[in-house]
C-alpha atoms as a PDB file:
ATOM      1  CA  MET A   1    -158.988-100.103 118.662  1.00  0.00           C
ATOM      2  CA  SER A   2    -157.439-102.332 121.286  1.00  0.00           C
ATOM      3  CA  ILE A   3    -153.814-102.078 122.400  1.00  0.00           C
ATOM      4  CA  GLU A   4    -151.836-105.307 122.298  1.00  0.00           C
ATOM      5  CA  ILE A   5    -148.251-106.059 123.277  1.00  0.00           C
ATOM      6  CA  ASN A   6    -146.861-108.324 120.577  1.00  0.00           C
ATOM      7  CA  LEU A   7    -143.286-109.584 120.969  1.00  0.00           C
ATOM      8  CA  GLN A   8    -143.286-112.070 118.114  1.00  0.00           C
ATOM      9  CA  GLY A   9    -139.836-112.454 116.619  1.00  0.00           C
ATOM     10  CA  LYS A  10    -138.174-111.148 119.790  1.00  0.00           C
ATOM     11  CA  VAL A  11    -135.919-113.041 122.199  1.00  0.00           C
ATOM     12  CA  ALA A  12    -135.945-112.583 125.980  1.00  0.00           C
ATOM     13  CA  LEU A  13    -133.253-113.893 128.328  1.00  0.00           C
ATOM     14  CA  VAL A  14    -134.491-114.177 131.919  1.00  0.00           C
ATOM     15  CA  THR A  15    -131.915-114.986 134.582  1.00  0.00           C
ATOM     16  CA  GLY A  16    -132.957-117.066 137.568  1.00  0.00           C
ATOM     17  CA  SER A  17    -136.093-118.133 135.724  1.00  0.00           C
ATOM     18  CA  SER A  18    -136.594-121.636 137.075  1.00  0.00           C
ATOM     19  CA  GLN A  19    -139.062-120.489 139.723  1.00  0.00           C
ATOM     20  CA  GLY A  20    -140.786-117.520 141.365  1.00  0.00           C
ATOM     21  CA  ILE A  21    -140.780-114.123 139.685  1.00  0.00           C
ATOM     22  CA  GLY A  22    -138.351-115.283 136.999  1.00  0.00           C
ATOM     23  CA  ALA A  23    -140.565-118.170 135.926  1.00  0.00           C
ATOM     24  CA  GLN A  24    -143.565-115.850 135.764  1.00  0.00           C
ATOM     25  CA  MET A  25    -141.523-113.383 133.692  1.00  0.00           C
ATOM     26  CA  ALA A  26    -140.716-116.174 131.246  1.00  0.00           C
ATOM     27  CA  ARG A  27    -144.369-117.239 130.968  1.00  0.00           C
ATOM     28  CA  THR A  28    -145.532-113.647 130.486  1.00  0.00           C
ATOM     29  CA  PHE A  29    -143.031-112.807 127.751  1.00  0.00           C
ATOM     30  CA  HIS A  30    -143.767-116.134 126.087  1.00  0.00           C
ATOM     31  CA  ARG A  31    -147.507-115.413 126.061  1.00  0.00           C
ATOM     32  CA  ALA A  32    -146.709-112.105 124.360  1.00  0.00           C
ATOM     33  CA  GLY A  33    -145.013-114.051 121.552  1.00  0.00           C
ATOM     34  CA  ALA A  34    -141.317-113.882 122.459  1.00  0.00           C
ATOM     35  CA  SER A  35    -138.907-116.770 122.432  1.00  0.00           C
ATOM     36  CA  VAL A  36    -137.572-117.236 125.952  1.00  0.00           C
ATOM     37  CA  VAL A  37    -134.173-118.303 127.281  1.00  0.00           C
ATOM     38  CA  LEU A  38    -134.459-119.800 130.756  1.00  0.00           C
ATOM     39  CA  ASN A  39    -131.338-119.377 132.864  1.00  0.00           C
ATOM     40  CA  HIS A  40    -130.612-121.283 136.070  1.00  0.00           C
ATOM     41  CA  PRO A  41    -127.477-121.699 138.233  1.00  0.00           C
ATOM     42  CA  ASP A  42    -127.622-125.525 138.208  1.00  0.00           C
ATOM     43  CA  GLN A  43    -128.013-125.702 141.979  1.00  0.00           C
ATOM     44  CA  GLY A  44    -130.595-127.720 143.889  1.00  0.00           C
ATOM     45  CA  ARG A  45    -133.776-128.201 141.872  1.00  0.00           C
ATOM     46  CA  THR A  46    -133.150-125.287 139.518  1.00  0.00           C
ATOM     47  CA  ALA A  47    -132.117-127.414 136.521  1.00  0.00           C
ATOM     48  CA  GLU A  48    -135.099-129.722 136.877  1.00  0.00           C
ATOM     49  CA  ASP A  49    -137.539-126.839 137.388  1.00  0.00           C
ATOM     50  CA  ALA A  50    -136.167-124.985 134.355  1.00  0.00           C
ATOM     51  CA  LYS A  51    -136.551-128.066 132.163  1.00  0.00           C
ATOM     52  CA  ILE A  52    -140.146-128.537 133.310  1.00  0.00           C
ATOM     53  CA  LEU A  53    -140.951-124.911 132.504  1.00  0.00           C
ATOM     54  CA  CYS A  54    -139.192-125.179 129.145  1.00  0.00           C
ATOM     55  CA  SER A  55    -141.293-128.229 128.235  1.00  0.00           C
ATOM     56  CA  GLU A  56    -144.439-126.370 129.271  1.00  0.00           C
ATOM     57  CA  LEU A  57    -143.627-123.406 127.024  1.00  0.00           C
ATOM     58  CA  ASN A  58    -142.527-125.518 124.067  1.00  0.00           C
ATOM     59  CA  ALA A  59    -145.741-127.521 124.309  1.00  0.00           C
ATOM     60  CA  HIS A  60    -147.635-124.308 123.591  1.00  0.00           C
ATOM     61  CA  ARG A  61    -145.246-123.148 120.858  1.00  0.00           C
ATOM     62  CA  PRO A  62    -142.564-125.574 119.642  1.00  0.00           C
ATOM     63  CA  GLN A  63    -138.915-124.458 119.778  1.00  0.00           C
ATOM     64  CA  SER A  64    -139.805-121.221 121.554  1.00  0.00           C
ATOM     65  CA  ALA A  65    -137.932-121.862 124.809  1.00  0.00           C
ATOM     66  CA  LEU A  66    -134.366-122.825 125.617  1.00  0.00           C
ATOM     67  CA  VAL A  67    -132.662-123.718 128.906  1.00  0.00           C
ATOM     68  CA  VAL A  68    -129.137-122.433 129.526  1.00  0.00           C
ATOM     69  CA  ALA A  69    -127.263-123.077 132.767  1.00  0.00           C
ATOM     70  CA  GLY A  70    -124.955-120.447 134.209  1.00  0.00           C
ATOM     71  CA  ASN A  71    -124.213-118.934 137.594  1.00  0.00           C
ATOM     72  CA  VAL A  72    -124.422-115.182 137.028  1.00  0.00           C
ATOM     73  CA  ALA A  73    -121.836-114.625 139.770  1.00  0.00           C
ATOM     74  CA  ASP A  74    -119.234-116.241 137.487  1.00  0.00           C
ATOM     75  CA  PRO A  75    -118.235-113.925 134.619  1.00  0.00           C
ATOM     76  CA  GLU A  76    -116.896-116.753 132.478  1.00  0.00           C
ATOM     77  CA  ALA A  77    -120.129-118.723 132.926  1.00  0.00           C
ATOM     78  CA  VAL A  78    -122.085-115.645 131.819  1.00  0.00           C
ATOM     79  CA  ARG A  79    -119.813-115.140 128.821  1.00  0.00           C
ATOM     80  CA  ALA A  80    -120.369-118.786 127.824  1.00  0.00           C
ATOM     81  CA  MET A  81    -124.131-118.438 128.339  1.00  0.00           C
ATOM     82  CA  MET A  82    -124.295-115.412 126.057  1.00  0.00           C
ATOM     83  CA  LYS A  83    -122.326-117.238 123.365  1.00  0.00           C
ATOM     84  CA  GLU A  84    -124.704-120.192 123.533  1.00  0.00           C
ATOM     85  CA  VAL A  85    -127.710-117.898 123.276  1.00  0.00           C
ATOM     86  CA  SER A  86    -126.151-115.997 120.384  1.00  0.00           C
ATOM     87  CA  ASP A  87    -125.380-119.236 118.546  1.00  0.00           C
ATOM     88  CA  GLN A  88    -129.005-120.315 118.951  1.00  0.00           C
ATOM     89  CA  TYR A  89    -130.851-117.037 118.326  1.00  0.00           C
ATOM     90  CA  LYS A  90    -128.253-114.680 116.797  1.00  0.00           C
ATOM     91  CA  GLY A  91    -128.909-112.195 119.600  1.00  0.00           C
ATOM     92  CA  ILE A  92    -131.361-111.053 122.248  1.00  0.00           C
ATOM     93  CA  ASP A  93    -133.853-108.220 122.450  1.00  0.00           C
ATOM     94  CA  PHE A  94    -134.632-108.271 126.171  1.00  0.00           C
ATOM     95  CA  LEU A  95    -132.413-108.988 129.163  1.00  0.00           C
ATOM     96  CA  ILE A  96    -134.251-109.508 132.447  1.00  0.00           C
ATOM     97  CA  ASN A  97    -131.828-109.546 135.382  1.00  0.00           C
ATOM     98  CA  ASN A  98    -133.831-111.459 137.965  1.00  0.00           C
ATOM     99  CA  ALA A  99    -131.381-113.910 139.573  1.00  0.00           C
ATOM    100  CA  ALA A 100    -130.910-113.243 143.292  1.00  0.00           C
ATOM    101  CA  ILE A 101    -130.241-114.928 146.621  1.00  0.00           C
ATOM    102  CA  ILE A 102    -130.680-113.940 150.266  1.00  0.00           C
ATOM    103  CA  ARG A 103    -128.434-114.571 153.247  1.00  0.00           C
ATOM    104  CA  ASP A 104    -130.156-112.521 155.940  1.00  0.00           C
ATOM    105  CA  ARG A 105    -128.343-111.809 159.201  1.00  0.00           C
ATOM    106  CA  THR A 106    -127.593-108.761 161.307  1.00  0.00           C
ATOM    107  CA  LEU A 107    -124.408-106.936 160.406  1.00  0.00           C
ATOM    108  CA  ALA A 108    -122.718-108.069 163.624  1.00  0.00           C
ATOM    109  CA  LYS A 109    -123.425-111.731 162.871  1.00  0.00           C
ATOM    110  CA  MET A 110    -123.126-111.687 159.067  1.00  0.00           C
ATOM    111  CA  THR A 111    -120.115-113.613 157.821  1.00  0.00           C
ATOM    112  CA  ILE A 112    -117.812-112.343 155.114  1.00  0.00           C
ATOM    113  CA  GLU A 113    -118.942-115.305 152.991  1.00  0.00           C
ATOM    114  CA  GLU A 114    -122.605-114.311 153.383  1.00  0.00           C
ATOM    115  CA  TRP A 115    -121.833-110.734 152.401  1.00  0.00           C
ATOM    116  CA  GLU A 116    -119.804-111.746 149.360  1.00  0.00           C
ATOM    117  CA  ALA A 117    -122.257-114.399 148.171  1.00  0.00           C
ATOM    118  CA  VAL A 118    -125.128-111.918 147.966  1.00  0.00           C
ATOM    119  CA  ILE A 119    -123.047-109.164 146.386  1.00  0.00           C
ATOM    120  CA  ASP A 120    -121.598-111.628 143.858  1.00  0.00           C
ATOM    121  CA  VAL A 121    -124.995-112.846 142.642  1.00  0.00           C
ATOM    122  CA  ASN A 122    -127.281-109.868 143.171  1.00  0.00           C
ATOM    123  CA  LEU A 123    -124.978-107.047 142.084  1.00  0.00           C
ATOM    124  CA  SER A 124    -121.961-108.418 140.241  1.00  0.00           C
ATOM    125  CA  GLY A 125    -124.268-110.870 138.477  1.00  0.00           C
ATOM    126  CA  VAL A 126    -126.228-107.987 136.979  1.00  0.00           C
ATOM    127  CA  PHE A 127    -122.977-106.330 135.896  1.00  0.00           C
ATOM    128  CA  HIS A 128    -121.776-109.543 134.235  1.00  0.00           C
ATOM    129  CA  CYS A 129    -125.066-110.079 132.403  1.00  0.00           C
ATOM    130  CA  CYS A 130    -125.277-106.470 131.219  1.00  0.00           C
ATOM    131  CA  LYS A 131    -121.633-106.374 130.124  1.00  0.00           C
ATOM    132  CA  PHE A 132    -121.735-109.571 128.090  1.00  0.00           C
ATOM    133  CA  GLY A 133    -125.438-109.361 127.254  1.00  0.00           C
ATOM    134  CA  LEU A 134    -124.985-106.007 125.534  1.00  0.00           C
ATOM    135  CA  GLU A 135    -122.492-107.654 123.205  1.00  0.00           C
ATOM    136  CA  ILE A 136    -125.285-109.805 121.750  1.00  0.00           C
ATOM    137  CA  MET A 137    -128.254-107.453 122.279  1.00  0.00           C
ATOM    138  CA  ASN A 138    -129.897-106.050 119.197  1.00  0.00           C
ATOM    139  CA  ASP A 139    -130.086-102.276 118.901  1.00  0.00           C
ATOM    140  CA  GLY A 140    -133.393-101.038 120.246  1.00  0.00           C
ATOM    141  CA  GLY A 141    -133.418-103.714 122.958  1.00  0.00           C
ATOM    142  CA  THR A 142    -134.321-103.374 126.609  1.00  0.00           C
ATOM    143  CA  ILE A 143    -132.742-104.252 129.952  1.00  0.00           C
ATOM    144  CA  VAL A 144    -134.896-104.691 133.046  1.00  0.00           C
ATOM    145  CA  SER A 145    -133.108-105.369 136.337  1.00  0.00           C
ATOM    146  CA  LEU A 146    -134.733-106.326 139.618  1.00  0.00           C
ATOM    147  CA  GLY A 147    -134.038-104.002 142.497  1.00  0.00           C
ATOM    148  CA  SER A 148    -136.045-104.294 145.700  1.00  0.00           C
ATOM    149  CA  ILE A 149    -138.023-102.407 148.301  1.00  0.00           C
ATOM    150  CA  ALA A 150    -135.181-103.466 150.617  1.00  0.00           C
ATOM    151  CA  ALA A 151    -132.919-100.949 148.876  1.00  0.00           C
ATOM    152  CA  ILE A 152    -135.366 -98.200 149.803  1.00  0.00           C
ATOM    153  CA  GLN A 153    -136.594 -99.300 153.239  1.00  0.00           C
ATOM    154  CA  GLY A 154    -133.400-100.893 154.566  1.00  0.00           C
ATOM    155  CA  PHE A 155    -134.965-103.903 156.261  1.00  0.00           C
ATOM    156  CA  TYR A 156    -133.398-105.285 159.436  1.00  0.00           C
ATOM    157  CA  GLY A 157    -130.849-108.019 158.757  1.00  0.00           C
ATOM    158  CA  GLN A 158    -130.469-107.273 155.045  1.00  0.00           C
ATOM    159  CA  ALA A 159    -127.320-105.156 154.820  1.00  0.00           C
ATOM    160  CA  ASN A 160    -125.944-107.343 152.024  1.00  0.00           C
ATOM    161  CA  TYR A 161    -129.221-107.651 150.102  1.00  0.00           C
ATOM    162  CA  ALA A 162    -130.184-103.976 150.446  1.00  0.00           C
ATOM    163  CA  ALA A 163    -126.707-102.811 149.409  1.00  0.00           C
ATOM    164  CA  ALA A 164    -126.711-105.070 146.357  1.00  0.00           C
ATOM    165  CA  LYS A 165    -130.179-103.996 145.235  1.00  0.00           C
ATOM    166  CA  ALA A 166    -129.378-100.315 145.767  1.00  0.00           C
ATOM    167  CA  GLY A 167    -126.327-100.867 143.595  1.00  0.00           C
ATOM    168  CA  VAL A 168    -128.487-102.398 140.877  1.00  0.00           C
ATOM    169  CA  ILE A 169    -130.733 -99.330 140.870  1.00  0.00           C
ATOM    170  CA  ALA A 170    -127.753 -96.952 140.634  1.00  0.00           C
ATOM    171  CA  MET A 171    -126.056 -99.053 137.953  1.00  0.00           C
ATOM    172  CA  THR A 172    -129.256 -99.045 135.912  1.00  0.00           C
ATOM    173  CA  ARG A 173    -129.197 -95.238 135.746  1.00  0.00           C
ATOM    174  CA  VAL A 174    -125.608 -95.306 134.471  1.00  0.00           C
ATOM    175  CA  ILE A 175    -126.279 -98.037 131.928  1.00  0.00           C
ATOM    176  CA  SER A 176    -129.317 -96.181 130.591  1.00  0.00           C
ATOM    177  CA  ARG A 177    -127.048 -93.277 129.658  1.00  0.00           C
ATOM    178  CA  GLU A 178    -124.341 -95.432 128.131  1.00  0.00           C
ATOM    179  CA  VAL A 179    -126.603 -97.496 125.868  1.00  0.00           C
ATOM    180  CA  ALA A 180    -129.032 -94.798 124.741  1.00  0.00           C
ATOM    181  CA  ARG A 181    -127.043 -94.172 121.547  1.00  0.00           C
ATOM    182  CA  ARG A 182    -127.998 -97.706 120.446  1.00  0.00           C
ATOM    183  CA  GLY A 183    -131.656 -97.111 121.190  1.00  0.00           C
ATOM    184  CA  ILE A 184    -131.436 -99.513 124.136  1.00  0.00           C
ATOM    185  CA  ARG A 185    -133.404 -98.672 127.259  1.00  0.00           C
ATOM    186  CA  ALA A 186    -132.521 -99.783 130.813  1.00  0.00           C
ATOM    187  CA  ASN A 187    -134.900 -99.675 133.759  1.00  0.00           C
ATOM    188  CA  ALA A 188    -135.263-101.296 137.163  1.00  0.00           C
ATOM    189  CA  ILE A 189    -138.213-102.672 139.073  1.00  0.00           C
ATOM    190  CA  ALA A 190    -138.271-102.514 142.876  1.00  0.00           C
ATOM    191  CA  PRO A 191    -140.812-105.087 144.058  1.00  0.00           C
ATOM    192  CA  GLY A 192    -142.311-105.018 147.521  1.00  0.00           C
ATOM    193  CA  VAL A 193    -143.084-108.280 149.275  1.00  0.00           C
ATOM    194  CA  ILE A 194    -144.071-110.744 146.562  1.00  0.00           C
ATOM    195  CA  GLU A 195    -145.615-114.142 147.304  1.00  0.00           C
ATOM    196  CA  THR A 196    -142.702-116.439 146.423  1.00  0.00           C
ATOM    197  CA  SER A 197    -140.800-119.195 148.205  1.00  0.00           C
ATOM    198  CA  MET A 198    -138.336-116.516 149.325  1.00  0.00           C
ATOM    199  CA  ALA A 199    -141.117-114.455 150.936  1.00  0.00           C
ATOM    200  CA  ALA A 200    -142.498-117.596 152.557  1.00  0.00           C
ATOM    201  CA  THR A 201    -139.436-117.659 154.824  1.00  0.00           C
ATOM    202  CA  ILE A 202    -140.557-114.401 156.501  1.00  0.00           C
ATOM    203  CA  PRO A 203    -141.994-115.171 159.969  1.00  0.00           C
ATOM    204  CA  GLU A 204    -145.747-114.744 160.171  1.00  0.00           C
ATOM    205  CA  HIS A 205    -145.622-112.018 162.830  1.00  0.00           C
ATOM    206  CA  VAL A 206    -143.237-110.027 160.631  1.00  0.00           C
ATOM    207  CA  ARG A 207    -145.519-110.481 157.600  1.00  0.00           C
ATOM    208  CA  THR A 208    -148.427-109.142 159.657  1.00  0.00           C
ATOM    209  CA  GLU A 209    -146.517-106.001 160.564  1.00  0.00           C
ATOM    210  CA  MET A 210    -145.308-105.539 156.984  1.00  0.00           C
ATOM    211  CA  LEU A 211    -148.831-105.760 155.619  1.00  0.00           C
ATOM    212  CA  LYS A 212    -149.866-102.793 157.754  1.00  0.00           C
ATOM    213  CA  ASN A 213    -147.637-100.641 155.497  1.00  0.00           C
ATOM    214  CA  VAL A 214    -149.402-101.693 152.271  1.00  0.00           C
ATOM    215  CA  PRO A 215    -152.444 -99.534 151.342  1.00  0.00           C
ATOM    216  CA  LEU A 216    -153.705-102.183 148.904  1.00  0.00           C
ATOM    217  CA  ALA A 217    -153.802-104.589 151.883  1.00  0.00           C
ATOM    218  CA  ARG A 218    -152.159-107.532 150.134  1.00  0.00           C
ATOM    219  CA  PHE A 219    -148.726-108.731 149.179  1.00  0.00           C
ATOM    220  CA  GLY A 220    -147.856-108.825 145.503  1.00  0.00           C
ATOM    221  CA  GLU A 221    -148.180-111.715 143.088  1.00  0.00           C
ATOM    222  CA  THR A 222    -145.432-112.654 140.655  1.00  0.00           C
ATOM    223  CA  ALA A 223    -147.672-111.510 137.797  1.00  0.00           C
ATOM    224  CA  ASP A 224    -147.740-107.995 139.257  1.00  0.00           C
ATOM    225  CA  VAL A 225    -143.997-107.740 138.659  1.00  0.00           C
ATOM    226  CA  ALA A 226    -143.927-109.610 135.356  1.00  0.00           C
ATOM    227  CA  ASN A 227    -146.598-107.379 133.850  1.00  0.00           C
ATOM    228  CA  VAL A 228    -144.569-104.253 134.628  1.00  0.00           C
ATOM    229  CA  ALA A 229    -141.495-105.846 133.037  1.00  0.00           C
ATOM    230  CA  LEU A 230    -143.551-106.622 129.941  1.00  0.00           C
ATOM    231  CA  PHE A 231    -144.696-103.003 129.745  1.00  0.00           C
ATOM    232  CA  LEU A 232    -141.118-101.732 130.108  1.00  0.00           C
ATOM    233  CA  CYS A 233    -139.994-103.953 127.233  1.00  0.00           C
ATOM    234  CA  SER A 234    -142.844-102.906 124.976  1.00  0.00           C
ATOM    235  CA  SER A 235    -143.175 -99.949 122.626  1.00  0.00           C
ATOM    236  CA  LEU A 236    -145.615 -98.463 125.136  1.00  0.00           C
ATOM    237  CA  ALA A 237    -142.572 -97.567 127.257  1.00  0.00           C
ATOM    238  CA  ALA A 238    -140.498 -96.208 124.377  1.00  0.00           C
ATOM    239  CA  TYR A 239    -139.673 -92.987 126.293  1.00  0.00           C
ATOM    240  CA  VAL A 240    -139.000 -94.646 129.656  1.00  0.00           C
ATOM    241  CA  THR A 241    -135.367 -95.282 130.582  1.00  0.00           C
ATOM    242  CA  GLY A 242    -133.148 -94.921 133.626  1.00  0.00           C
ATOM    243  CA  GLN A 243    -136.147 -95.305 135.927  1.00  0.00           C
ATOM    244  CA  THR A 244    -136.984 -97.498 138.899  1.00  0.00           C
ATOM    245  CA  ILE A 245    -140.622 -98.573 139.058  1.00  0.00           C
ATOM    246  CA  GLU A 246    -141.786 -99.484 142.558  1.00  0.00           C
ATOM    247  CA  VAL A 247    -144.249-102.382 142.522  1.00  0.00           C
ATOM    248  CA  ASN A 248    -145.207-102.567 146.168  1.00  0.00           C
ATOM    249  CA  GLY A 249    -148.928-101.928 146.638  1.00  0.00           C
ATOM    250  CA  GLY A 250    -148.228 -98.367 147.752  1.00  0.00           C
ATOM    251  CA  TRP A 251    -145.896 -99.313 150.636  1.00  0.00           C
ATOM    252  CA  ARG A 252    -144.820 -96.272 152.595  1.00  0.00           C
ATOM    253  CA  GLY A 253    -143.120 -97.563 155.730  1.00  0.00           C
END
């Protein structure tokens, strides 16, 4: 007998899902049968990209995707987003905290604004979404938050990013304890270098050196991360909570 992950009747909210890993998360959960809420911060092309993705998903299954704007760094915007989602779907089953930004610079040159911007989105944003998302999450739901290999390796020039992602991993352990009584599980994923527009900004000579640390001899694809998130939200991971799953091709730098 085959094993199938079927999320029909479930609702997944994916933050920062207009592109990259978030967009792949949305497509993956949608293919598994879930209705998907696409969040974007309404900056640059994010609104347009989210609408295009929403149309793509709804073309496959009508009324199965919804776009909701909201900068996760703003607690009131997150509160409003959760209300809109609740009004539409009466609740959520999966919260995928994917939204993130980078402002790389050495500590000596990093501005206070660059530090605060990354902490506000990458760490406080996860707190906001968990706090208000749990208010509308159905019992037995799942939270998956994106950490990073940066939190483990401490890459040069990423004091803000590494600190934020390390905070996400630690917060996930706490949340997993606090929500267990409701049957809710909380886990984190720490991706390595994944082929996204963000990774494309890494200089080629740096990418070459990074790849030497990866036993599988390739950088990750967005599907590599999305598939692990799908597993964590499925009944196959019913006894997995408070964990951080490293998805990095075996990186040991």
